[in-house]
N, C-alpha and C. Protein backbone atom coordinates (compact mmCIF):
# COMPACT_ATOMS: atom_id res chain seq x y z
N ARG A 1 -57.66 18.78 -28.85
CA ARG A 1 -56.90 18.37 -27.68
C ARG A 1 -57.34 17.01 -27.14
N GLU A 2 -58.34 16.43 -27.76
CA GLU A 2 -58.83 15.13 -27.33
C GLU A 2 -59.23 15.13 -25.86
N ALA A 3 -59.84 16.21 -25.41
CA ALA A 3 -60.26 16.33 -24.02
C ALA A 3 -61.60 17.06 -23.96
N VAL A 4 -62.28 16.88 -22.84
CA VAL A 4 -63.52 17.62 -22.63
C VAL A 4 -63.16 19.08 -22.46
N ARG A 5 -63.86 19.96 -23.14
CA ARG A 5 -63.58 21.39 -23.11
C ARG A 5 -64.80 22.15 -22.60
N THR A 6 -64.57 23.20 -21.85
CA THR A 6 -65.64 24.07 -21.37
C THR A 6 -65.40 25.45 -21.96
N PHE A 7 -66.42 26.00 -22.59
CA PHE A 7 -66.31 27.30 -23.23
C PHE A 7 -67.23 28.30 -22.54
N ASN A 8 -66.79 29.54 -22.46
CA ASN A 8 -67.59 30.62 -21.89
C ASN A 8 -68.48 31.16 -23.00
N VAL A 9 -69.77 30.87 -22.92
CA VAL A 9 -70.71 31.27 -23.96
C VAL A 9 -70.73 32.78 -24.13
N GLY A 10 -70.51 33.52 -23.06
CA GLY A 10 -70.51 34.98 -23.13
C GLY A 10 -69.40 35.55 -23.99
N ARG A 11 -68.40 34.74 -24.30
CA ARG A 11 -67.29 35.21 -25.13
C ARG A 11 -67.44 34.82 -26.59
N VAL A 12 -68.51 34.12 -26.93
CA VAL A 12 -68.74 33.72 -28.32
C VAL A 12 -69.16 34.95 -29.12
N ARG A 13 -68.45 35.22 -30.20
CA ARG A 13 -68.74 36.38 -31.05
C ARG A 13 -69.54 36.02 -32.29
N GLU A 14 -69.38 34.80 -32.74
CA GLU A 14 -70.00 34.39 -33.98
C GLU A 14 -70.25 32.88 -33.91
N LEU A 15 -71.31 32.46 -34.56
CA LEU A 15 -71.64 31.04 -34.58
C LEU A 15 -71.80 30.59 -36.02
N ARG A 16 -71.06 29.56 -36.38
CA ARG A 16 -71.19 28.94 -37.70
C ARG A 16 -71.35 27.45 -37.49
N VAL A 17 -72.26 26.85 -38.21
CA VAL A 17 -72.46 25.41 -38.13
C VAL A 17 -71.66 24.76 -39.26
N PRO A 18 -70.62 23.99 -38.91
CA PRO A 18 -69.78 23.38 -39.95
C PRO A 18 -70.48 22.19 -40.59
N ASP A 19 -70.00 21.79 -41.75
CA ASP A 19 -70.54 20.60 -42.43
C ASP A 19 -70.27 19.35 -41.60
N GLU A 20 -69.10 19.31 -40.98
CA GLU A 20 -68.76 18.18 -40.11
C GLU A 20 -68.51 18.72 -38.71
N PRO A 21 -69.01 18.03 -37.70
CA PRO A 21 -68.81 18.53 -36.33
C PRO A 21 -67.34 18.58 -35.93
N ALA A 22 -66.97 19.63 -35.23
CA ALA A 22 -65.59 19.78 -34.77
C ALA A 22 -65.35 18.96 -33.51
N PHE A 23 -66.41 18.64 -32.80
CA PHE A 23 -66.28 17.90 -31.55
C PHE A 23 -67.20 16.70 -31.56
N GLN A 24 -66.74 15.63 -30.96
CA GLN A 24 -67.54 14.43 -30.83
C GLN A 24 -67.79 14.18 -29.35
N ARG A 25 -69.03 13.92 -28.99
CA ARG A 25 -69.32 13.55 -27.61
C ARG A 25 -68.93 12.09 -27.42
N ARG A 26 -68.19 11.83 -26.37
CA ARG A 26 -67.77 10.46 -26.07
C ARG A 26 -68.98 9.62 -25.67
N ASP A 27 -68.98 8.37 -26.07
CA ASP A 27 -70.04 7.45 -25.65
C ASP A 27 -70.06 7.39 -24.12
N GLY A 28 -71.24 7.49 -23.55
CA GLY A 28 -71.38 7.39 -22.10
C GLY A 28 -71.06 8.66 -21.35
N PHE A 29 -70.72 9.75 -22.05
CA PHE A 29 -70.39 11.00 -21.37
C PHE A 29 -71.63 11.57 -20.69
N ASP A 30 -71.48 11.92 -19.42
CA ASP A 30 -72.57 12.50 -18.63
C ASP A 30 -72.11 13.88 -18.15
N LEU A 31 -72.70 14.93 -18.72
CA LEU A 31 -72.29 16.30 -18.40
C LEU A 31 -72.44 16.61 -16.92
N VAL A 32 -73.54 16.21 -16.32
CA VAL A 32 -73.77 16.51 -14.90
C VAL A 32 -72.69 15.87 -14.04
N LYS A 33 -72.41 14.61 -14.28
CA LYS A 33 -71.36 13.92 -13.51
C LYS A 33 -70.00 14.57 -13.74
N HIS A 34 -69.72 14.96 -14.96
CA HIS A 34 -68.45 15.61 -15.27
C HIS A 34 -68.30 16.92 -14.50
N LEU A 35 -69.32 17.76 -14.54
CA LEU A 35 -69.23 19.06 -13.87
C LEU A 35 -69.20 18.93 -12.35
N GLN A 36 -69.73 17.87 -11.79
CA GLN A 36 -69.71 17.68 -10.34
C GLN A 36 -68.30 17.41 -9.81
N LYS A 37 -67.37 17.05 -10.69
CA LYS A 37 -66.00 16.82 -10.24
C LYS A 37 -65.29 18.13 -9.90
N GLY A 38 -65.72 19.22 -10.52
CA GLY A 38 -65.08 20.51 -10.30
C GLY A 38 -65.90 21.38 -9.36
N TRP A 39 -65.41 22.56 -9.11
CA TRP A 39 -66.09 23.47 -8.19
C TRP A 39 -67.22 24.20 -8.89
N ASN A 40 -66.93 24.84 -10.00
CA ASN A 40 -67.93 25.62 -10.69
C ASN A 40 -67.94 25.25 -12.17
N VAL A 41 -67.05 25.82 -12.93
CA VAL A 41 -66.99 25.53 -14.36
C VAL A 41 -65.76 24.71 -14.71
N TRP A 42 -64.64 25.03 -14.10
CA TRP A 42 -63.40 24.35 -14.44
C TRP A 42 -63.37 22.97 -13.81
N VAL A 43 -63.16 21.98 -14.63
CA VAL A 43 -62.93 20.63 -14.16
C VAL A 43 -61.52 20.27 -14.57
N GLU A 44 -60.65 20.20 -13.60
CA GLU A 44 -59.25 19.92 -13.89
C GLU A 44 -59.02 18.41 -13.87
N GLU A 45 -58.11 17.97 -14.70
CA GLU A 45 -57.78 16.55 -14.74
C GLU A 45 -56.89 16.21 -13.55
N GLY A 46 -56.85 14.94 -13.23
CA GLY A 46 -55.98 14.50 -12.14
C GLY A 46 -56.78 14.00 -10.97
N GLU A 47 -56.08 13.78 -9.88
CA GLU A 47 -56.71 13.20 -8.71
C GLU A 47 -57.69 14.18 -8.06
N ARG A 48 -58.62 13.59 -7.34
CA ARG A 48 -59.59 14.40 -6.63
C ARG A 48 -59.10 14.60 -5.20
N ASP A 49 -59.43 15.74 -4.65
CA ASP A 49 -59.02 16.07 -3.28
C ASP A 49 -60.25 16.30 -2.42
N LEU A 50 -60.18 15.86 -1.18
CA LEU A 50 -61.20 16.20 -0.21
C LEU A 50 -60.88 17.59 0.30
N VAL A 51 -61.77 18.54 0.04
CA VAL A 51 -61.60 19.92 0.49
C VAL A 51 -62.43 20.08 1.76
N ARG A 52 -61.76 20.49 2.84
CA ARG A 52 -62.46 20.77 4.10
C ARG A 52 -62.07 22.17 4.56
N VAL A 53 -63.08 23.00 4.78
CA VAL A 53 -62.84 24.35 5.27
C VAL A 53 -63.77 24.61 6.45
N ARG A 54 -63.32 25.43 7.37
CA ARG A 54 -64.11 25.78 8.56
C ARG A 54 -64.47 27.26 8.50
N PHE A 55 -65.76 27.54 8.61
CA PHE A 55 -66.27 28.90 8.62
C PHE A 55 -66.60 29.33 10.04
N ARG A 56 -66.28 30.55 10.37
CA ARG A 56 -66.56 31.12 11.69
C ARG A 56 -68.08 31.16 11.92
N PRO A 57 -68.48 31.21 13.19
CA PRO A 57 -69.91 31.16 13.52
C PRO A 57 -70.77 32.21 12.82
N GLN A 58 -70.23 33.41 12.57
CA GLN A 58 -71.04 34.45 11.94
C GLN A 58 -71.44 34.13 10.50
N LEU A 59 -70.78 33.16 9.87
CA LEU A 59 -71.14 32.74 8.52
C LEU A 59 -71.87 31.40 8.49
N ALA A 60 -72.03 30.77 9.63
CA ALA A 60 -72.54 29.40 9.69
C ALA A 60 -73.89 29.24 9.00
N ASP A 61 -74.86 30.07 9.34
CA ASP A 61 -76.19 29.94 8.74
C ASP A 61 -76.13 30.12 7.22
N TYR A 62 -75.40 31.11 6.78
CA TYR A 62 -75.27 31.39 5.34
C TYR A 62 -74.67 30.19 4.61
N ILE A 63 -73.61 29.62 5.16
CA ILE A 63 -72.94 28.48 4.52
C ILE A 63 -73.87 27.27 4.49
N GLU A 64 -74.58 27.02 5.57
CA GLU A 64 -75.48 25.86 5.61
C GLU A 64 -76.68 26.03 4.68
N ARG A 65 -77.16 27.24 4.49
CA ARG A 65 -78.34 27.50 3.64
C ARG A 65 -78.03 27.47 2.15
N THR A 66 -76.78 27.71 1.79
CA THR A 66 -76.43 27.89 0.38
C THR A 66 -75.95 26.58 -0.22
N ARG A 67 -76.44 26.30 -1.40
CA ARG A 67 -76.02 25.10 -2.14
C ARG A 67 -74.87 25.51 -3.05
N TRP A 68 -73.67 25.27 -2.58
CA TRP A 68 -72.46 25.64 -3.34
C TRP A 68 -72.08 24.57 -4.34
N HIS A 69 -72.34 23.32 -3.99
CA HIS A 69 -71.95 22.18 -4.83
C HIS A 69 -72.92 21.03 -4.55
N PRO A 70 -73.28 20.26 -5.59
CA PRO A 70 -74.25 19.18 -5.38
C PRO A 70 -73.81 18.10 -4.39
N LYS A 71 -72.51 17.95 -4.17
CA LYS A 71 -72.02 16.89 -3.27
C LYS A 71 -71.48 17.42 -1.95
N GLN A 72 -71.78 18.67 -1.61
CA GLN A 72 -71.24 19.26 -0.39
C GLN A 72 -71.84 18.62 0.86
N LYS A 73 -71.09 18.74 1.95
CA LYS A 73 -71.54 18.28 3.26
C LYS A 73 -71.14 19.36 4.26
N THR A 74 -72.04 19.70 5.16
CA THR A 74 -71.70 20.65 6.22
C THR A 74 -71.95 20.01 7.58
N THR A 75 -71.13 20.40 8.54
CA THR A 75 -71.24 19.90 9.91
C THR A 75 -71.11 21.08 10.85
N ARG A 76 -72.11 21.29 11.70
CA ARG A 76 -72.06 22.37 12.70
C ARG A 76 -71.25 21.88 13.89
N ASN A 77 -70.31 22.69 14.32
CA ASN A 77 -69.44 22.38 15.45
C ASN A 77 -70.01 22.98 16.74
N PRO A 78 -69.61 22.44 17.91
CA PRO A 78 -70.12 22.95 19.19
C PRO A 78 -69.89 24.45 19.39
N ASP A 79 -68.83 25.01 18.81
CA ASP A 79 -68.54 26.44 18.98
C ASP A 79 -69.35 27.32 18.02
N GLY A 80 -70.21 26.70 17.19
CA GLY A 80 -71.03 27.46 16.24
C GLY A 80 -70.43 27.57 14.85
N SER A 81 -69.17 27.19 14.69
CA SER A 81 -68.56 27.22 13.36
C SER A 81 -69.13 26.07 12.53
N VAL A 82 -68.87 26.12 11.23
CA VAL A 82 -69.35 25.08 10.32
C VAL A 82 -68.19 24.55 9.50
N ASP A 83 -68.07 23.23 9.45
CA ASP A 83 -67.11 22.59 8.56
C ASP A 83 -67.83 22.26 7.27
N PHE A 84 -67.21 22.63 6.16
CA PHE A 84 -67.76 22.40 4.83
C PHE A 84 -66.82 21.45 4.12
N GLU A 85 -67.34 20.41 3.49
CA GLU A 85 -66.45 19.53 2.74
C GLU A 85 -67.08 19.10 1.43
N VAL A 86 -66.19 18.89 0.47
CA VAL A 86 -66.58 18.44 -0.87
C VAL A 86 -65.35 17.84 -1.52
N GLU A 87 -65.55 16.85 -2.37
CA GLU A 87 -64.44 16.25 -3.10
C GLU A 87 -64.40 16.86 -4.49
N LEU A 88 -63.23 17.36 -4.89
CA LEU A 88 -63.08 18.07 -6.16
C LEU A 88 -61.86 17.60 -6.94
N ALA A 89 -61.96 17.73 -8.25
CA ALA A 89 -60.81 17.55 -9.13
C ALA A 89 -60.37 18.96 -9.52
N GLY A 90 -59.33 19.44 -8.92
CA GLY A 90 -58.83 20.79 -9.22
C GLY A 90 -59.18 21.76 -8.12
N LEU A 91 -58.24 22.65 -7.84
CA LEU A 91 -58.39 23.58 -6.72
C LEU A 91 -58.38 25.04 -7.15
N THR A 92 -58.26 25.33 -8.43
CA THR A 92 -58.13 26.71 -8.89
C THR A 92 -59.33 27.57 -8.49
N GLU A 93 -60.53 27.15 -8.87
CA GLU A 93 -61.71 27.96 -8.58
C GLU A 93 -62.05 28.00 -7.10
N VAL A 94 -61.90 26.89 -6.41
CA VAL A 94 -62.25 26.87 -4.99
C VAL A 94 -61.28 27.73 -4.18
N THR A 95 -60.06 27.91 -4.67
CA THR A 95 -59.11 28.79 -3.99
C THR A 95 -59.66 30.22 -3.94
N SER A 96 -60.16 30.71 -5.05
CA SER A 96 -60.74 32.06 -5.10
C SER A 96 -61.97 32.15 -4.19
N TRP A 97 -62.78 31.10 -4.18
CA TRP A 97 -63.98 31.09 -3.34
C TRP A 97 -63.58 31.20 -1.87
N VAL A 98 -62.60 30.41 -1.44
CA VAL A 98 -62.14 30.46 -0.04
C VAL A 98 -61.61 31.85 0.28
N LEU A 99 -60.79 32.40 -0.61
CA LEU A 99 -60.23 33.73 -0.36
C LEU A 99 -61.30 34.81 -0.25
N SER A 100 -62.44 34.61 -0.88
CA SER A 100 -63.50 35.62 -0.84
C SER A 100 -64.08 35.80 0.55
N PHE A 101 -63.84 34.85 1.46
CA PHE A 101 -64.36 34.95 2.82
C PHE A 101 -63.33 35.50 3.80
N GLY A 102 -62.14 35.82 3.31
CA GLY A 102 -61.12 36.45 4.14
C GLY A 102 -60.81 35.66 5.40
N SER A 103 -60.75 36.36 6.52
CA SER A 103 -60.37 35.74 7.79
C SER A 103 -61.51 34.97 8.45
N LEU A 104 -62.65 34.88 7.80
CA LEU A 104 -63.78 34.14 8.37
C LEU A 104 -63.78 32.67 7.97
N VAL A 105 -62.74 32.23 7.28
CA VAL A 105 -62.64 30.84 6.84
C VAL A 105 -61.22 30.35 7.02
N GLU A 106 -61.08 29.06 7.31
CA GLU A 106 -59.76 28.44 7.42
C GLU A 106 -59.80 27.12 6.65
N VAL A 107 -58.81 26.91 5.80
CA VAL A 107 -58.68 25.64 5.07
C VAL A 107 -58.11 24.60 6.03
N LEU A 108 -58.82 23.50 6.19
CA LEU A 108 -58.35 22.39 7.02
C LEU A 108 -57.59 21.37 6.19
N GLU A 109 -58.08 21.11 5.00
CA GLU A 109 -57.39 20.23 4.06
C GLU A 109 -57.93 20.42 2.66
N PRO A 110 -57.17 20.06 1.66
CA PRO A 110 -55.87 19.40 1.67
C PRO A 110 -54.75 20.41 1.93
N PRO A 111 -53.59 19.92 2.34
CA PRO A 111 -52.47 20.82 2.60
C PRO A 111 -52.12 21.72 1.42
N LYS A 112 -52.25 21.21 0.19
CA LYS A 112 -51.87 22.03 -0.97
C LYS A 112 -52.83 23.20 -1.16
N LEU A 113 -54.10 23.06 -0.79
CA LEU A 113 -55.02 24.20 -0.85
C LEU A 113 -54.69 25.19 0.26
N ARG A 114 -54.40 24.68 1.44
CA ARG A 114 -54.00 25.56 2.55
C ARG A 114 -52.77 26.38 2.17
N ALA A 115 -51.81 25.74 1.51
CA ALA A 115 -50.58 26.43 1.08
C ALA A 115 -50.89 27.49 0.02
N ARG A 116 -51.76 27.17 -0.93
CA ARG A 116 -52.14 28.16 -1.95
C ARG A 116 -52.78 29.39 -1.33
N VAL A 117 -53.70 29.17 -0.40
CA VAL A 117 -54.38 30.29 0.25
C VAL A 117 -53.39 31.10 1.08
N ARG A 118 -52.49 30.41 1.78
CA ARG A 118 -51.48 31.11 2.59
C ARG A 118 -50.59 31.99 1.71
N ARG A 119 -50.12 31.44 0.58
CA ARG A 119 -49.26 32.22 -0.33
C ARG A 119 -50.00 33.46 -0.84
N GLU A 120 -51.23 33.29 -1.20
CA GLU A 120 -52.02 34.43 -1.70
C GLU A 120 -52.23 35.47 -0.61
N ALA A 121 -52.55 35.01 0.60
CA ALA A 121 -52.76 35.93 1.72
C ALA A 121 -51.47 36.68 2.07
N GLU A 122 -50.35 35.99 2.02
CA GLU A 122 -49.07 36.66 2.29
C GLU A 122 -48.79 37.71 1.22
N GLY A 123 -49.07 37.38 -0.03
CA GLY A 123 -48.88 38.35 -1.11
C GLY A 123 -49.80 39.56 -0.93
N MET A 124 -51.02 39.33 -0.51
CA MET A 124 -51.96 40.44 -0.29
C MET A 124 -51.48 41.30 0.88
N ALA A 125 -50.98 40.66 1.93
CA ALA A 125 -50.49 41.41 3.08
C ALA A 125 -49.32 42.31 2.67
N ARG A 126 -48.41 41.78 1.84
CA ARG A 126 -47.27 42.60 1.36
C ARG A 126 -47.79 43.77 0.51
N GLN A 127 -48.77 43.50 -0.32
CA GLN A 127 -49.29 44.53 -1.20
C GLN A 127 -49.93 45.68 -0.42
N TYR A 128 -50.60 45.36 0.68
CA TYR A 128 -51.31 46.37 1.44
C TYR A 128 -50.55 46.87 2.66
N ALA A 129 -49.31 46.44 2.84
CA ALA A 129 -48.52 46.90 3.96
C ALA A 129 -48.25 48.40 3.83
N VAL A 130 -48.31 49.08 4.94
CA VAL A 130 -48.11 50.53 4.94
C VAL A 130 -46.65 50.87 4.92
């Protein structure tokens, strides 16, 4: 595919060393810098987005203590909530992370992440409606 690929090592069933390498590392490629563009493992191509989310006061200490991403920034607000921000290429993984905090987090930006979380929350509400 002529692109950087990430493989899940846990899914490897067999290893064979070919006579000729199947992949070539690009000159100047820096794995750490590459992975810092994404949230966890997935690094999506395209523009980078500034992700800003606000956590309720009851999660503030936890969010500030935890190193979620090497380039993250947190800001404590006067009401005790914490704003978390990071610049990412791709929103797929961070969407799941935000959803894992339920109503204790609000996406401030980008609008497309806010819309993704809203659509998922609406779908969950329909699924669990009595």
